[in-house]
Amino acid sequence: MKLISIILTILLCLCAIIGDYIVFKSKYSESQVFRAFSDSSVHAIIGLISAILFFTYDVGLTIQARFYNAAFCTILSSLIDIDHFIAARSFKLKDATNLKQRGIFHCTTFWLIFTLLLLIYTHITKRTNIYTLTYMAVIAYSTHLIRDANRRGLWLYPFGHTYPINKYIYLILICVLPKLFAYSYVYCKPTFKNVMYDSLV
């Protein structure tokens, strides 16, 4: 598992570097359609690899549960960008890519509150699947927001935006966070009364 973890970490780093190059510096980057779809695809791939890296650690889930959770993380990592259309109040790509302000799903404060509420709900309901989904959501939004922060900084409402994150710090965070979240998942996991909830269904 250690070798797989190392390989996935390297792959994650390469995906971020190559993905950013393809999205922003390739000969097709002038196309808004290409940038939109390729950017969302890179977010999804990073989310997928991060989830797989998370599950290389012994988190006590079945293979089926890991598959469903990784799929959820992948989809959410990409779907965060849907708030561009919500903020633009339009389904036109031109409107969604020319916003003066960022959408709600790109607000770090929103996700921190969302995570806190999910963790509270987890402790109340004693459901392992919600606990796992919470970590998948954390991986999805943290990788997405940190990657975006390399260009635009983090939006910490009501304090405003931070400065853009240094590229090397961004890459280190992208690679390290899935491992830290896995350790947190295992060592902070509460005792659940019902062990049947170890999958999404």
N, C-alpha and C. Protein backbone atom coordinates (compact mmCIF):
# COMPACT_ATOMS: atom_id res chain seq x y z
N MET A 1 0.81 -1.21 0.00
CA MET A 1 0.00 0.00 0.00
C MET A 1 0.86 1.28 0.00
N LYS A 2 2.04 1.21 0.64
CA LYS A 2 2.91 2.38 0.68
C LYS A 2 3.38 2.76 -0.71
N LEU A 3 3.72 1.73 -1.51
CA LEU A 3 4.16 1.98 -2.88
C LEU A 3 3.02 2.60 -3.71
N ILE A 4 1.81 2.05 -3.54
CA ILE A 4 0.65 2.58 -4.25
C ILE A 4 0.39 4.03 -3.84
N SER A 5 0.55 4.30 -2.55
CA SER A 5 0.35 5.65 -2.04
C SER A 5 1.34 6.62 -2.66
N ILE A 6 2.59 6.20 -2.76
CA ILE A 6 3.63 7.05 -3.36
C ILE A 6 3.33 7.31 -4.83
N ILE A 7 2.95 6.26 -5.55
CA ILE A 7 2.63 6.39 -6.97
C ILE A 7 1.45 7.33 -7.18
N LEU A 8 0.42 7.18 -6.35
CA LEU A 8 -0.77 8.04 -6.47
C LEU A 8 -0.44 9.50 -6.14
N THR A 9 0.45 9.70 -5.18
CA THR A 9 0.85 11.06 -4.81
C THR A 9 1.58 11.74 -5.97
N ILE A 10 2.49 10.99 -6.59
CA ILE A 10 3.22 11.52 -7.76
C ILE A 10 2.25 11.80 -8.90
N LEU A 11 1.33 10.86 -9.12
CA LEU A 11 0.33 11.01 -10.18
C LEU A 11 -0.55 12.23 -9.93
N LEU A 12 -0.89 12.46 -8.67
CA LEU A 12 -1.71 13.61 -8.29
C LEU A 12 -1.00 14.91 -8.61
N CYS A 13 0.27 14.96 -8.28
CA CYS A 13 1.07 16.16 -8.53
C CYS A 13 1.20 16.41 -10.04
N LEU A 14 1.49 15.36 -10.78
CA LEU A 14 1.63 15.49 -12.24
C LEU A 14 0.32 15.91 -12.89
N CYS A 15 -0.77 15.37 -12.39
CA CYS A 15 -2.09 15.72 -12.92
C CYS A 15 -2.38 17.20 -12.72
N ALA A 16 -2.02 17.73 -11.56
CA ALA A 16 -2.24 19.15 -11.27
C ALA A 16 -1.38 20.03 -12.18
N ILE A 17 -0.12 19.65 -12.34
CA ILE A 17 0.80 20.44 -13.16
C ILE A 17 0.41 20.40 -14.64
N ILE A 18 0.24 19.18 -15.15
CA ILE A 18 -0.11 19.02 -16.57
C ILE A 18 -1.50 19.56 -16.86
N GLY A 19 -2.42 19.32 -15.92
CA GLY A 19 -3.77 19.81 -16.10
C GLY A 19 -3.82 21.33 -16.20
N ASP A 20 -3.10 22.01 -15.32
CA ASP A 20 -3.07 23.48 -15.36
C ASP A 20 -2.46 23.98 -16.67
N TYR A 21 -1.46 23.28 -17.15
CA TYR A 21 -0.83 23.68 -18.42
C TYR A 21 -1.83 23.54 -19.57
N ILE A 22 -2.52 22.41 -19.62
CA ILE A 22 -3.48 22.17 -20.69
C ILE A 22 -4.62 23.19 -20.66
N VAL A 23 -5.11 23.48 -19.47
CA VAL A 23 -6.24 24.40 -19.33
C VAL A 23 -5.86 25.83 -19.66
N PHE A 24 -4.71 26.29 -19.19
CA PHE A 24 -4.39 27.72 -19.27
C PHE A 24 -3.29 28.10 -20.26
N LYS A 25 -2.48 27.13 -20.71
CA LYS A 25 -1.34 27.51 -21.55
C LYS A 25 -1.24 26.74 -22.86
N SER A 26 -2.17 25.86 -23.12
CA SER A 26 -2.12 25.11 -24.38
C SER A 26 -2.67 25.97 -25.52
N LYS A 27 -2.55 25.49 -26.73
CA LYS A 27 -2.99 26.26 -27.90
C LYS A 27 -4.51 26.36 -27.99
N TYR A 28 -5.21 25.56 -27.18
CA TYR A 28 -6.67 25.60 -27.18
C TYR A 28 -7.24 26.45 -26.05
N SER A 29 -6.36 27.01 -25.25
CA SER A 29 -6.80 27.72 -24.05
C SER A 29 -7.61 28.98 -24.33
N GLU A 30 -7.52 29.51 -25.54
CA GLU A 30 -8.27 30.71 -25.88
C GLU A 30 -9.77 30.43 -25.97
N SER A 31 -10.10 29.17 -26.18
CA SER A 31 -11.51 28.79 -26.29
C SER A 31 -12.15 28.69 -24.91
N GLN A 32 -13.22 29.44 -24.68
CA GLN A 32 -13.91 29.40 -23.39
C GLN A 32 -14.52 28.03 -23.13
N VAL A 33 -15.04 27.41 -24.17
CA VAL A 33 -15.64 26.09 -24.04
C VAL A 33 -14.59 25.08 -23.62
N PHE A 34 -13.44 25.13 -24.28
CA PHE A 34 -12.34 24.20 -23.94
C PHE A 34 -11.88 24.41 -22.51
N ARG A 35 -11.67 25.67 -22.12
CA ARG A 35 -11.18 25.95 -20.77
C ARG A 35 -12.18 25.51 -19.71
N ALA A 36 -13.46 25.73 -19.98
CA ALA A 36 -14.49 25.37 -19.00
C ALA A 36 -14.54 23.86 -18.78
N PHE A 37 -14.61 23.11 -19.87
CA PHE A 37 -14.73 21.67 -19.75
C PHE A 37 -13.43 21.00 -19.30
N SER A 38 -12.30 21.50 -19.78
CA SER A 38 -11.03 20.91 -19.37
C SER A 38 -10.72 21.22 -17.90
N ASP A 39 -11.08 22.43 -17.46
CA ASP A 39 -10.86 22.82 -16.07
C ASP A 39 -11.69 21.95 -15.13
N SER A 40 -12.97 21.75 -15.48
CA SER A 40 -13.84 20.90 -14.66
C SER A 40 -13.35 19.45 -14.67
N SER A 41 -12.81 19.02 -15.81
CA SER A 41 -12.29 17.65 -15.91
C SER A 41 -11.07 17.45 -15.02
N VAL A 42 -10.19 18.46 -15.00
CA VAL A 42 -9.00 18.38 -14.13
C VAL A 42 -9.41 18.35 -12.67
N HIS A 43 -10.39 19.16 -12.30
CA HIS A 43 -10.90 19.14 -10.93
C HIS A 43 -11.42 17.74 -10.57
N ALA A 44 -12.16 17.14 -11.50
CA ALA A 44 -12.73 15.81 -11.26
C ALA A 44 -11.64 14.75 -11.11
N ILE A 45 -10.64 14.80 -11.97
CA ILE A 45 -9.55 13.82 -11.93
C ILE A 45 -8.75 13.94 -10.64
N ILE A 46 -8.48 15.19 -10.24
CA ILE A 46 -7.76 15.42 -8.98
C ILE A 46 -8.59 14.91 -7.81
N GLY A 47 -9.90 15.15 -7.86
CA GLY A 47 -10.78 14.63 -6.81
C GLY A 47 -10.78 13.13 -6.75
N LEU A 48 -10.80 12.48 -7.92
CA LEU A 48 -10.78 11.01 -7.98
C LEU A 48 -9.50 10.44 -7.42
N ILE A 49 -8.36 10.96 -7.86
CA ILE A 49 -7.06 10.45 -7.38
C ILE A 49 -6.92 10.71 -5.88
N SER A 50 -7.38 11.85 -5.43
CA SER A 50 -7.31 12.18 -3.99
C SER A 50 -8.14 11.20 -3.18
N ALA A 51 -9.33 10.86 -3.67
CA ALA A 51 -10.20 9.91 -2.97
C ALA A 51 -9.56 8.53 -2.93
N ILE A 52 -8.99 8.10 -4.05
CA ILE A 52 -8.32 6.79 -4.10
C ILE A 52 -7.14 6.78 -3.14
N LEU A 53 -6.38 7.88 -3.11
CA LEU A 53 -5.25 7.99 -2.19
C LEU A 53 -5.73 7.91 -0.75
N PHE A 54 -6.83 8.56 -0.46
CA PHE A 54 -7.45 8.50 0.87
C PHE A 54 -7.76 7.06 1.25
N PHE A 55 -8.30 6.29 0.31
CA PHE A 55 -8.72 4.93 0.60
C PHE A 55 -7.58 3.90 0.54
N THR A 56 -6.36 4.34 0.25
CA THR A 56 -5.23 3.41 0.35
C THR A 56 -4.90 3.14 1.82
N TYR A 57 -5.43 3.99 2.69
CA TYR A 57 -5.26 3.78 4.12
C TYR A 57 -6.41 2.93 4.64
N ASP A 58 -6.16 2.21 5.69
CA ASP A 58 -7.17 1.30 6.25
C ASP A 58 -8.22 2.09 7.00
N VAL A 59 -9.27 2.49 6.28
CA VAL A 59 -10.33 3.28 6.89
C VAL A 59 -11.53 2.42 7.28
N GLY A 60 -11.43 1.11 7.06
CA GLY A 60 -12.46 0.20 7.53
C GLY A 60 -13.73 0.16 6.71
N LEU A 61 -13.63 0.37 5.39
CA LEU A 61 -14.80 0.32 4.53
C LEU A 61 -14.69 -0.80 3.51
N THR A 62 -15.83 -1.26 3.02
CA THR A 62 -15.85 -2.29 1.99
C THR A 62 -15.39 -1.69 0.66
N ILE A 63 -15.02 -2.55 -0.28
CA ILE A 63 -14.60 -2.10 -1.61
C ILE A 63 -15.75 -1.36 -2.30
N GLN A 64 -16.96 -1.88 -2.14
CA GLN A 64 -18.13 -1.24 -2.75
C GLN A 64 -18.34 0.16 -2.19
N ALA A 65 -18.21 0.30 -0.88
CA ALA A 65 -18.38 1.61 -0.25
C ALA A 65 -17.32 2.58 -0.72
N ARG A 66 -16.09 2.10 -0.86
CA ARG A 66 -15.00 2.95 -1.34
C ARG A 66 -15.27 3.43 -2.76
N PHE A 67 -15.78 2.52 -3.59
CA PHE A 67 -16.08 2.87 -4.98
C PHE A 67 -17.13 3.96 -5.05
N TYR A 68 -18.24 3.79 -4.32
CA TYR A 68 -19.32 4.78 -4.34
C TYR A 68 -18.86 6.13 -3.80
N ASN A 69 -18.08 6.09 -2.73
CA ASN A 69 -17.60 7.34 -2.13
C ASN A 69 -16.61 8.05 -3.05
N ALA A 70 -15.74 7.30 -3.70
CA ALA A 70 -14.78 7.90 -4.64
C ALA A 70 -15.51 8.52 -5.82
N ALA A 71 -16.57 7.86 -6.28
CA ALA A 71 -17.38 8.39 -7.38
C ALA A 71 -18.05 9.69 -6.95
N PHE A 72 -18.57 9.71 -5.72
CA PHE A 72 -19.20 10.92 -5.19
C PHE A 72 -18.22 12.08 -5.12
N CYS A 73 -17.02 11.79 -4.64
CA CYS A 73 -15.98 12.81 -4.52
C CYS A 73 -15.59 13.36 -5.90
N THR A 74 -15.48 12.47 -6.87
CA THR A 74 -15.13 12.87 -8.23
C THR A 74 -16.16 13.82 -8.82
N ILE A 75 -17.43 13.44 -8.69
CA ILE A 75 -18.52 14.24 -9.25
C ILE A 75 -18.61 15.59 -8.56
N LEU A 76 -18.55 15.58 -7.22
CA LEU A 76 -18.66 16.84 -6.48
C LEU A 76 -17.50 17.78 -6.79
N SER A 77 -16.30 17.24 -6.97
CA SER A 77 -15.13 18.06 -7.29
C SER A 77 -15.35 18.89 -8.54
N SER A 78 -16.08 18.33 -9.48
CA SER A 78 -16.36 19.03 -10.73
C SER A 78 -17.61 19.90 -10.63
N LEU A 79 -18.64 19.40 -9.95
CA LEU A 79 -19.92 20.10 -9.89
C LEU A 79 -19.88 21.41 -9.11
N ILE A 80 -18.83 21.62 -8.34
CA ILE A 80 -18.70 22.87 -7.59
C ILE A 80 -18.78 24.07 -8.54
N ASP A 81 -18.28 23.89 -9.75
CA ASP A 81 -18.28 24.99 -10.73
C ASP A 81 -19.67 25.34 -11.25
N ILE A 82 -20.67 24.57 -10.88
CA ILE A 82 -22.03 24.87 -11.32
C ILE A 82 -22.51 26.21 -10.76
N ASP A 83 -21.85 26.65 -9.70
CA ASP A 83 -22.29 27.93 -9.11
C ASP A 83 -21.97 29.12 -10.01
N HIS A 84 -21.14 28.90 -11.02
CA HIS A 84 -20.90 29.96 -12.01
C HIS A 84 -22.22 30.32 -12.71
N PHE A 85 -22.97 29.29 -13.06
CA PHE A 85 -24.24 29.50 -13.75
C PHE A 85 -25.29 30.05 -12.79
N ILE A 86 -25.21 29.60 -11.53
CA ILE A 86 -26.15 30.11 -10.53
C ILE A 86 -25.92 31.60 -10.28
N ALA A 87 -24.66 31.98 -10.14
CA ALA A 87 -24.32 33.38 -9.90
C ALA A 87 -24.64 34.25 -11.11
N ALA A 88 -24.46 33.69 -12.31
CA ALA A 88 -24.73 34.43 -13.54
C ALA A 88 -26.22 34.47 -13.86
N ARG A 89 -26.99 33.58 -13.21
CA ARG A 89 -28.41 33.45 -13.49
C ARG A 89 -28.65 33.24 -14.98
N SER A 90 -27.80 32.42 -15.55
CA SER A 90 -27.87 32.15 -16.98
C SER A 90 -27.21 30.81 -17.27
N PHE A 91 -27.69 30.12 -18.31
CA PHE A 91 -27.09 28.87 -18.74
C PHE A 91 -26.06 29.09 -19.85
N LYS A 92 -25.83 30.34 -20.20
CA LYS A 92 -24.87 30.66 -21.25
C LYS A 92 -23.45 30.63 -20.68
N LEU A 93 -22.56 29.92 -21.36
CA LEU A 93 -21.19 29.78 -20.88
C LEU A 93 -20.48 31.13 -20.83
N LYS A 94 -20.78 32.00 -21.77
CA LYS A 94 -20.16 33.32 -21.80
C LYS A 94 -20.47 34.11 -20.54
N ASP A 95 -21.73 34.03 -20.09
CA ASP A 95 -22.13 34.74 -18.87
C ASP A 95 -21.49 34.12 -17.64
N ALA A 96 -21.41 32.79 -17.64
CA ALA A 96 -20.88 32.06 -16.47
C ALA A 96 -19.38 32.26 -16.29
N THR A 97 -18.68 32.55 -17.39
CA THR A 97 -17.22 32.70 -17.32
C THR A 97 -16.77 34.15 -17.25
N ASN A 98 -17.72 35.06 -17.17
CA ASN A 98 -17.38 36.48 -17.09
C ASN A 98 -18.05 37.14 -15.89
N LEU A 99 -17.93 36.49 -14.76
CA LEU A 99 -18.56 37.00 -13.53
C LEU A 99 -17.64 38.00 -12.82
N LYS A 100 -18.27 38.95 -12.16
CA LYS A 100 -17.50 39.92 -11.38
C LYS A 100 -17.28 39.42 -9.94
N GLN A 101 -18.10 38.46 -9.53
CA GLN A 101 -17.94 37.88 -8.20
C GLN A 101 -18.04 36.37 -8.27
N ARG A 102 -17.53 35.69 -7.26
CA ARG A 102 -17.51 34.24 -7.25
C ARG A 102 -18.81 33.68 -6.68
N GLY A 103 -19.13 32.45 -7.11
CA GLY A 103 -20.35 31.80 -6.64
C GLY A 103 -20.21 31.27 -5.23
N ILE A 104 -21.34 30.93 -4.62
CA ILE A 104 -21.39 30.50 -3.22
C ILE A 104 -20.55 29.25 -2.97
N PHE A 105 -20.47 28.34 -3.95
CA PHE A 105 -19.73 27.10 -3.74
C PHE A 105 -18.22 27.30 -3.77
N HIS A 106 -17.78 28.52 -4.10
CA HIS A 106 -16.36 28.84 -4.06
C HIS A 106 -16.00 29.64 -2.81
N CYS A 107 -16.96 29.68 -1.89
CA CYS A 107 -16.73 30.36 -0.61
C CYS A 107 -16.27 29.33 0.42
N THR A 108 -15.07 29.47 0.92
CA THR A 108 -14.51 28.53 1.90
C THR A 108 -15.35 28.49 3.17
N THR A 109 -15.86 29.64 3.58
CA THR A 109 -16.69 29.72 4.79
C THR A 109 -17.94 28.85 4.66
N PHE A 110 -18.56 28.88 3.49
CA PHE A 110 -19.75 28.07 3.24
C PHE A 110 -19.46 26.60 3.49
N TRP A 111 -18.35 26.12 2.96
CA TRP A 111 -18.01 24.69 3.09
C TRP A 111 -17.60 24.32 4.51
N LEU A 112 -16.97 25.24 5.22
CA LEU A 112 -16.61 24.96 6.61
C LEU A 112 -17.86 24.80 7.47
N ILE A 113 -18.85 25.66 7.24
CA ILE A 113 -20.12 25.55 7.97
C ILE A 113 -20.85 24.27 7.58
N PHE A 114 -20.84 23.98 6.29
CA PHE A 114 -21.47 22.75 5.77
C PHE A 114 -20.85 21.51 6.41
N THR A 115 -19.52 21.49 6.51
CA THR A 115 -18.80 20.37 7.12
C THR A 115 -19.16 20.23 8.59
N LEU A 116 -19.19 21.34 9.30
CA LEU A 116 -19.54 21.32 10.72
C LEU A 116 -20.93 20.75 10.93
N LEU A 117 -21.89 21.18 10.12
CA LEU A 117 -23.27 20.69 10.24
C LEU A 117 -23.34 19.19 9.95
N LEU A 118 -22.59 18.73 8.96
CA LEU A 118 -22.58 17.30 8.65
C LEU A 118 -21.99 16.48 9.79
N LEU A 119 -20.93 16.99 10.39
CA LEU A 119 -20.30 16.27 11.51
C LEU A 119 -21.24 16.21 12.71
N ILE A 120 -21.96 17.29 12.96
CA ILE A 120 -22.94 17.30 14.05
C ILE A 120 -24.04 16.28 13.76
N TYR A 121 -24.52 16.29 12.51
CA TYR A 121 -25.56 15.34 12.11
C TYR A 121 -25.07 13.90 12.24
N THR A 122 -23.79 13.67 11.91
CA THR A 122 -23.20 12.34 12.02
C THR A 122 -23.23 11.84 13.46
N HIS A 123 -22.85 12.71 14.38
CA HIS A 123 -22.83 12.32 15.80
C HIS A 123 -24.23 12.10 16.36
N ILE A 124 -25.20 12.81 15.81
CA ILE A 124 -26.57 12.64 16.27
C ILE A 124 -27.18 11.35 15.75
N THR A 125 -26.98 11.09 14.47
CA THR A 125 -27.61 9.93 13.83
C THR A 125 -26.78 8.65 13.95
N LYS A 126 -25.48 8.78 14.29
CA LYS A 126 -24.59 7.63 14.43
C LYS A 126 -24.47 6.85 13.11
N ARG A 127 -24.38 7.57 11.99
CA ARG A 127 -24.30 6.90 10.70
C ARG A 127 -22.91 7.04 10.10
N THR A 128 -22.27 5.90 9.87
CA THR A 128 -20.92 5.89 9.33
C THR A 128 -20.88 6.43 7.91
N ASN A 129 -21.92 6.16 7.13
CA ASN A 129 -21.91 6.60 5.73
C ASN A 129 -21.89 8.13 5.62
N ILE A 130 -22.59 8.81 6.52
CA ILE A 130 -22.58 10.27 6.50
C ILE A 130 -21.21 10.79 6.91
N TYR A 131 -20.59 10.11 7.86
CA TYR A 131 -19.24 10.48 8.30
C TYR A 131 -18.26 10.38 7.13
N THR A 132 -18.37 9.28 6.37
CA THR A 132 -17.50 9.09 5.21
C THR A 132 -17.78 10.11 4.13
N LEU A 133 -19.05 10.35 3.85
CA LEU A 133 -19.44 11.34 2.84
C LEU A 133 -18.92 12.73 3.21
N THR A 134 -18.88 13.02 4.49
CA THR A 134 -18.36 14.32 4.94
C THR A 134 -16.91 14.48 4.52
N TYR A 135 -16.12 13.43 4.71
CA TYR A 135 -14.71 13.49 4.32
C TYR A 135 -14.55 13.55 2.81
N MET A 136 -15.44 12.87 2.08
CA MET A 136 -15.38 12.95 0.62
C MET A 136 -15.68 14.38 0.15
N ALA A 137 -16.64 15.01 0.82
CA ALA A 137 -16.97 16.40 0.49
C ALA A 137 -15.79 17.32 0.81
N VAL A 138 -15.14 17.07 1.94
CA VAL A 138 -13.98 17.87 2.34
C VAL A 138 -12.86 17.76 1.31
N ILE A 139 -12.60 16.53 0.87
CA ILE A 139 -11.57 16.32 -0.15
C ILE A 139 -11.95 17.03 -1.44
N ALA A 140 -13.21 16.90 -1.84
CA ALA A 140 -13.69 17.50 -3.09
C ALA A 140 -13.53 19.02 -3.08
N TYR A 141 -14.06 19.65 -2.03
CA TYR A 141 -14.02 21.12 -2.04
C TYR A 141 -12.64 21.68 -1.71
N SER A 142 -11.88 20.98 -0.88
CA SER A 142 -10.55 21.51 -0.53
C SER A 142 -9.61 21.46 -1.73
N THR A 143 -9.63 20.36 -2.49
CA THR A 143 -8.77 20.28 -3.67
C THR A 143 -9.21 21.30 -4.72
N HIS A 144 -10.51 21.46 -4.86
CA HIS A 144 -11.04 22.41 -5.85
C HIS A 144 -10.67 23.85 -5.47
N LEU A 145 -10.95 24.22 -4.24
CA LEU A 145 -10.72 25.60 -3.82
C LEU A 145 -9.24 25.94 -3.76
N ILE A 146 -8.41 25.00 -3.35
CA ILE A 146 -6.96 25.25 -3.28
C ILE A 146 -6.38 25.41 -4.68
N ARG A 147 -6.87 24.58 -5.61
CA ARG A 147 -6.40 24.71 -7.00
C ARG A 147 -6.80 26.07 -7.57
N ASP A 148 -8.04 26.49 -7.32
CA ASP A 148 -8.47 27.80 -7.78
C ASP A 148 -7.72 28.92 -7.07
N ALA A 149 -7.38 28.69 -5.80
CA ALA A 149 -6.70 29.72 -5.00
C ALA A 149 -5.31 30.02 -5.52
N ASN A 150 -4.75 29.11 -6.30
CA ASN A 150 -3.45 29.36 -6.91
C ASN A 150 -3.51 30.57 -7.84
N ARG A 151 -4.71 30.87 -8.34
CA ARG A 151 -4.90 32.01 -9.24
C ARG A 151 -5.64 33.16 -8.57
N ARG A 152 -6.61 32.83 -7.69
CA ARG A 152 -7.51 33.87 -7.20
C ARG A 152 -7.55 34.00 -5.68
N GLY A 153 -6.84 33.15 -4.96
CA GLY A 153 -6.89 33.20 -3.51
C GLY A 153 -8.12 32.51 -2.97
N LEU A 154 -8.21 32.39 -1.66
CA LEU A 154 -9.37 31.77 -1.01
C LEU A 154 -10.36 32.85 -0.59
N TRP A 155 -11.64 32.55 -0.76
CA TRP A 155 -12.68 33.49 -0.35
C TRP A 155 -13.16 33.11 1.04
N LEU A 156 -12.80 33.93 2.03
CA LEU A 156 -13.15 33.68 3.42
C LEU A 156 -14.16 34.74 3.88
N TYR A 157 -15.41 34.50 3.56
CA TYR A 157 -16.46 35.45 3.96
C TYR A 157 -16.55 35.50 5.50
N PRO A 158 -16.68 36.64 6.12
CA PRO A 158 -16.87 37.99 5.56
C PRO A 158 -15.57 38.80 5.42
N PHE A 159 -14.44 38.12 5.48
CA PHE A 159 -13.16 38.82 5.51
C PHE A 159 -12.60 39.14 4.13
N GLY A 160 -13.19 38.55 3.11
CA GLY A 160 -12.70 38.81 1.76
C GLY A 160 -11.81 37.69 1.25
N HIS A 161 -10.95 38.02 0.30
CA HIS A 161 -10.10 37.04 -0.36
C HIS A 161 -8.66 37.12 0.14
N THR A 162 -8.01 35.98 0.19
CA THR A 162 -6.58 35.95 0.51
C THR A 162 -5.79 36.23 -0.77
N TYR A 163 -4.51 36.39 -0.63
CA TYR A 163 -3.66 36.48 -1.82
C TYR A 163 -3.59 35.11 -2.49
N PRO A 164 -3.32 35.07 -3.77
CA PRO A 164 -3.18 33.77 -4.45
C PRO A 164 -2.13 32.90 -3.75
N ILE A 165 -2.41 31.62 -3.66
CA ILE A 165 -1.50 30.68 -3.02
C ILE A 165 -0.34 30.36 -3.96
N ASN A 166 0.85 30.39 -3.41
CA ASN A 166 2.04 30.04 -4.19
C ASN A 166 1.87 28.67 -4.84
N LYS A 167 2.33 28.52 -6.08
CA LYS A 167 2.13 27.29 -6.83
C LYS A 167 2.71 26.07 -6.11
N TYR A 168 3.88 26.22 -5.52
CA TYR A 168 4.51 25.08 -4.84
C TYR A 168 3.74 24.69 -3.59
N ILE A 169 3.24 25.70 -2.88
CA ILE A 169 2.43 25.41 -1.69
C ILE A 169 1.14 24.72 -2.10
N TYR A 170 0.55 25.20 -3.18
CA TYR A 170 -0.67 24.59 -3.73
C TYR A 170 -0.46 23.12 -4.06
N LEU A 171 0.66 22.81 -4.73
CA LEU A 171 0.94 21.42 -5.11
C LEU A 171 1.19 20.55 -3.88
N ILE A 172 1.90 21.09 -2.90
CA ILE A 172 2.17 20.34 -1.67
C ILE A 172 0.86 20.04 -0.94
N LEU A 173 -0.01 21.03 -0.84
CA LEU A 173 -1.29 20.84 -0.15
C LEU A 173 -2.15 19.80 -0.87
N ILE A 174 -2.20 19.89 -2.18
CA ILE A 174 -2.99 18.94 -2.97
C ILE A 174 -2.54 17.50 -2.71
N CYS A 175 -1.23 17.31 -2.57
CA CYS A 175 -0.66 15.97 -2.39
C CYS A 175 -0.75 15.48 -0.95
N VAL A 176 -0.66 16.39 0.00
CA VAL A 176 -0.58 16.00 1.40
C VAL A 176 -1.95 15.85 2.07
N LEU A 177 -2.89 16.70 1.69
CA LEU A 177 -4.19 16.73 2.38
C LEU A 177 -4.95 15.40 2.37
N PRO A 178 -4.99 14.65 1.25
CA PRO A 178 -5.71 13.36 1.29
C PRO A 178 -5.17 12.43 2.37
N LYS A 179 -3.87 12.43 2.57
CA LYS A 179 -3.26 11.58 3.60
C LYS A 179 -3.64 12.08 5.01
N LEU A 180 -3.58 13.38 5.19
CA LEU A 180 -3.94 13.95 6.49
C LEU A 180 -5.41 13.69 6.81
N PHE A 181 -6.26 13.80 5.81
CA PHE A 181 -7.68 13.54 6.01
C PHE A 181 -7.92 12.07 6.35
N ALA A 182 -7.14 11.18 5.77
CA ALA A 182 -7.28 9.75 6.06
C ALA A 182 -6.92 9.46 7.51
N TYR A 183 -5.83 10.06 7.97
CA TYR A 183 -5.44 9.90 9.37
C TYR A 183 -6.50 10.48 10.30
N SER A 184 -7.01 11.64 9.94
CA SER A 184 -8.06 12.28 10.73
C SER A 184 -9.31 11.41 10.78
N TYR A 185 -9.66 10.82 9.64
CA TYR A 185 -10.84 9.97 9.54
C TYR A 185 -10.75 8.79 10.51
N VAL A 186 -9.58 8.17 10.55
CA VAL A 186 -9.38 6.99 11.39
C VAL A 186 -9.31 7.35 12.87
N TYR A 187 -8.52 8.36 13.21
CA TYR A 187 -8.26 8.64 14.61
C TYR A 187 -9.32 9.52 15.27
N CYS A 188 -10.13 10.20 14.47
CA CYS A 188 -11.19 11.04 15.04
C CYS A 188 -12.56 10.39 14.88
N LYS A 189 -12.58 9.21 14.31
CA LYS A 189 -13.86 8.55 14.05
C LYS A 189 -14.55 8.18 15.36
N PRO A 190 -15.78 8.65 15.53
CA PRO A 190 -16.52 8.31 16.77
C PRO A 190 -16.98 6.86 16.74
N THR A 191 -17.38 6.35 17.87
CA THR A 191 -17.91 4.99 17.95
C THR A 191 -19.37 4.99 17.57
N PHE A 192 -19.70 4.22 16.54
CA PHE A 192 -21.07 4.16 16.07
C PHE A 192 -21.75 2.92 16.60
N LYS A 193 -23.00 3.07 17.01
CA LYS A 193 -23.74 1.94 17.56
C LYS A 193 -24.13 0.93 16.48
N ASN A 194 -24.43 1.45 15.28
CA ASN A 194 -24.90 0.58 14.19
C ASN A 194 -23.83 0.48 13.13
N VAL A 195 -23.19 -0.69 12.99
CA VAL A 195 -22.11 -0.86 12.04
C VAL A 195 -22.61 -1.19 10.66
N MET A 196 -23.93 -1.25 10.47
CA MET A 196 -24.49 -1.59 9.17
C MET A 196 -24.32 -0.44 8.17
N TYR A 197 -24.13 0.77 8.69
CA TYR A 197 -24.02 1.91 7.81
C TYR A 197 -22.57 2.14 7.38
N ASP A 198 -22.00 1.16 6.70
CA ASP A 198 -20.61 1.32 6.26
C ASP A 198 -20.54 1.53 4.77
N SER A 199 -21.66 1.79 4.15
CA SER A 199 -21.67 2.08 2.72
C SER A 199 -22.68 3.17 2.44
N LEU A 200 -22.76 3.58 1.21
CA LEU A 200 -23.66 4.66 0.83
C LEU A 200 -25.10 4.20 0.78
N VAL A 201 -25.34 2.93 0.63
CA VAL A 201 -26.71 2.42 0.53
C VAL A 201 -26.95 1.37 1.59
